[in-house]
């Protein structure tokens, strides 16, 4: 994964986390996740939709 989160991945991440932010927040969430990736967080691909959301971002 390049570090950038696409819309489909964000949908799965939010669903697994039990979150439903307003549509206007999506771009900001995606930008923040990309920023985390650029600064060293390792964003792993979601291979198990029941995985713990906290495990999707490793320090």
N, C-alpha and C. Protein backbone atom coordinates (compact mmCIF):
# COMPACT_ATOMS: atom_id res chain seq x y z
N UNK A 1 0.86 -1.18 0.00
CA UNK A 1 0.00 0.00 0.00
C UNK A 1 0.90 1.23 0.00
N UNK A 2 0.56 2.20 -0.77
CA UNK A 2 1.42 3.37 -0.93
C UNK A 2 1.37 4.32 0.25
N UNK A 3 0.45 4.13 1.15
CA UNK A 3 0.30 5.06 2.26
C UNK A 3 -0.95 5.91 2.13
N UNK A 4 -1.40 6.08 0.88
CA UNK A 4 -2.64 6.82 0.68
C UNK A 4 -3.82 5.86 0.82
N UNK A 5 -4.86 6.33 1.45
CA UNK A 5 -6.05 5.52 1.69
C UNK A 5 -7.09 5.89 0.64
N UNK A 6 -7.62 4.88 -0.06
CA UNK A 6 -8.67 5.16 -1.03
C UNK A 6 -10.03 5.12 -0.34
N UNK A 7 -11.04 5.55 -1.05
CA UNK A 7 -12.38 5.64 -0.46
C UNK A 7 -12.94 4.31 0.01
N UNK A 8 -12.68 3.24 -0.75
CA UNK A 8 -13.20 1.92 -0.37
C UNK A 8 -12.53 1.42 0.91
N UNK A 9 -11.22 1.63 1.02
CA UNK A 9 -10.50 1.22 2.23
C UNK A 9 -10.99 2.01 3.43
N UNK A 10 -11.23 3.31 3.24
CA UNK A 10 -11.74 4.13 4.32
C UNK A 10 -13.12 3.65 4.76
N UNK A 11 -13.96 3.27 3.82
CA UNK A 11 -15.29 2.74 4.16
C UNK A 11 -15.18 1.53 5.07
N UNK A 12 -14.28 0.60 4.72
CA UNK A 12 -14.10 -0.61 5.53
C UNK A 12 -13.56 -0.25 6.90
N UNK A 13 -12.56 0.61 6.94
CA UNK A 13 -11.96 1.02 8.21
C UNK A 13 -13.00 1.65 9.14
N UNK A 14 -13.81 2.55 8.61
CA UNK A 14 -14.83 3.21 9.42
C UNK A 14 -15.90 2.23 9.88
N UNK A 15 -16.30 1.30 8.99
CA UNK A 15 -17.31 0.31 9.35
C UNK A 15 -16.80 -0.58 10.48
N UNK A 16 -15.56 -1.06 10.36
CA UNK A 16 -14.98 -1.94 11.38
C UNK A 16 -14.86 -1.19 12.71
N UNK A 17 -14.53 0.09 12.64
CA UNK A 17 -14.38 0.90 13.85
C UNK A 17 -15.72 1.32 14.43
N UNK A 18 -16.80 1.10 13.68
CA UNK A 18 -18.12 1.49 14.16
C UNK A 18 -18.36 2.99 14.09
N UNK A 19 -17.70 3.65 13.15
CA UNK A 19 -17.82 5.10 13.01
C UNK A 19 -18.61 5.45 11.75
N UNK A 20 -19.32 6.56 11.82
CA UNK A 20 -20.08 7.05 10.67
C UNK A 20 -19.97 8.57 10.62
N UNK A 21 -18.77 9.07 10.26
CA UNK A 21 -18.60 10.52 10.20
C UNK A 21 -19.37 11.12 9.02
N UNK A 22 -19.68 12.41 9.11
CA UNK A 22 -20.36 13.07 7.99
C UNK A 22 -19.50 12.99 6.72
N UNK A 23 -20.14 12.99 5.59
CA UNK A 23 -19.44 12.87 4.30
C UNK A 23 -18.35 13.93 4.14
N UNK A 24 -18.60 15.13 4.65
CA UNK A 24 -17.62 16.21 4.47
C UNK A 24 -16.33 15.98 5.28
N UNK A 25 -16.33 15.02 6.16
CA UNK A 25 -15.13 14.72 6.96
C UNK A 25 -14.20 13.72 6.27
N UNK A 26 -14.70 13.02 5.26
CA UNK A 26 -13.91 11.95 4.63
C UNK A 26 -12.57 12.42 4.08
N UNK A 27 -12.56 13.54 3.38
CA UNK A 27 -11.31 14.03 2.79
C UNK A 27 -10.29 14.34 3.88
N UNK A 28 -10.73 14.91 4.97
CA UNK A 28 -9.83 15.21 6.08
C UNK A 28 -9.28 13.96 6.73
N UNK A 29 -10.13 12.95 6.89
CA UNK A 29 -9.69 11.69 7.48
C UNK A 29 -8.65 11.04 6.57
N UNK A 30 -8.92 11.02 5.26
CA UNK A 30 -7.99 10.43 4.32
C UNK A 30 -6.66 11.19 4.31
N UNK A 31 -6.72 12.51 4.39
CA UNK A 31 -5.49 13.31 4.42
C UNK A 31 -4.69 13.05 5.69
N UNK A 32 -5.37 12.91 6.81
CA UNK A 32 -4.66 12.64 8.06
C UNK A 32 -4.01 11.26 8.05
N UNK A 33 -4.68 10.26 7.50
CA UNK A 33 -4.08 8.93 7.40
C UNK A 33 -2.87 8.94 6.47
N UNK A 34 -2.95 9.69 5.37
CA UNK A 34 -1.81 9.81 4.46
C UNK A 34 -0.65 10.52 5.15
N UNK A 35 -0.95 11.53 5.94
CA UNK A 35 0.09 12.24 6.69
C UNK A 35 0.77 11.32 7.69
N UNK A 36 -0.01 10.50 8.39
CA UNK A 36 0.57 9.51 9.31
C UNK A 36 1.52 8.58 8.57
N UNK A 37 1.11 8.13 7.40
CA UNK A 37 1.95 7.21 6.62
C UNK A 37 3.26 7.89 6.20
N UNK A 38 3.18 9.14 5.78
CA UNK A 38 4.38 9.85 5.35
C UNK A 38 5.34 10.11 6.50
N UNK A 39 4.83 10.12 7.71
CA UNK A 39 5.67 10.39 8.87
C UNK A 39 6.00 9.13 9.65
N UNK A 40 5.93 7.98 9.00
CA UNK A 40 6.45 6.78 9.60
C UNK A 40 5.46 5.73 10.07
N UNK A 41 4.18 6.03 10.11
CA UNK A 41 3.22 4.99 10.49
C UNK A 41 3.12 4.00 9.33
N UNK A 42 3.03 2.75 9.65
CA UNK A 42 2.92 1.71 8.62
C UNK A 42 1.45 1.31 8.52
N UNK A 43 0.80 1.80 7.49
CA UNK A 43 -0.61 1.47 7.28
C UNK A 43 -0.66 0.14 6.55
N UNK A 44 -1.26 -0.83 7.18
CA UNK A 44 -1.34 -2.17 6.59
C UNK A 44 -2.66 -2.33 5.85
N UNK A 45 -2.61 -3.13 4.80
CA UNK A 45 -3.84 -3.40 4.06
C UNK A 45 -4.80 -4.17 4.96
N UNK A 46 -6.06 -3.94 4.77
CA UNK A 46 -7.08 -4.62 5.56
C UNK A 46 -7.34 -5.97 4.90
N UNK A 47 -6.87 -7.05 5.53
CA UNK A 47 -7.12 -8.37 4.97
C UNK A 47 -8.16 -9.13 5.79
N UNK A 48 -8.53 -8.59 6.93
CA UNK A 48 -9.55 -9.22 7.77
C UNK A 48 -10.49 -8.12 8.24
N UNK A 49 -11.70 -8.04 7.67
CA UNK A 49 -12.61 -6.97 8.05
C UNK A 49 -13.01 -6.97 9.53
N UNK A 50 -12.72 -8.06 10.24
CA UNK A 50 -13.04 -8.11 11.66
C UNK A 50 -11.82 -7.80 12.53
N UNK A 51 -10.73 -7.38 11.91
CA UNK A 51 -9.51 -7.06 12.65
C UNK A 51 -9.74 -5.85 13.55
N UNK A 52 -8.95 -5.76 14.59
CA UNK A 52 -9.02 -4.63 15.51
C UNK A 52 -8.52 -3.38 14.77
N UNK A 53 -9.33 -2.32 14.67
CA UNK A 53 -8.89 -1.11 13.96
C UNK A 53 -7.58 -0.55 14.49
N UNK A 54 -7.31 -0.71 15.78
CA UNK A 54 -6.06 -0.20 16.34
C UNK A 54 -4.85 -0.90 15.74
N UNK A 55 -5.03 -2.12 15.25
CA UNK A 55 -3.93 -2.86 14.65
C UNK A 55 -3.66 -2.45 13.21
N UNK A 56 -4.55 -1.68 12.61
CA UNK A 56 -4.38 -1.27 11.22
C UNK A 56 -3.32 -0.20 11.07
N UNK A 57 -3.01 0.50 12.14
CA UNK A 57 -1.95 1.51 12.11
C UNK A 57 -0.92 1.09 13.14
N UNK A 58 0.26 0.71 12.67
CA UNK A 58 1.33 0.27 13.57
C UNK A 58 2.35 1.39 13.69
N UNK A 59 2.84 1.63 14.89
CA UNK A 59 3.85 2.70 15.05
C UNK A 59 5.15 2.35 14.36
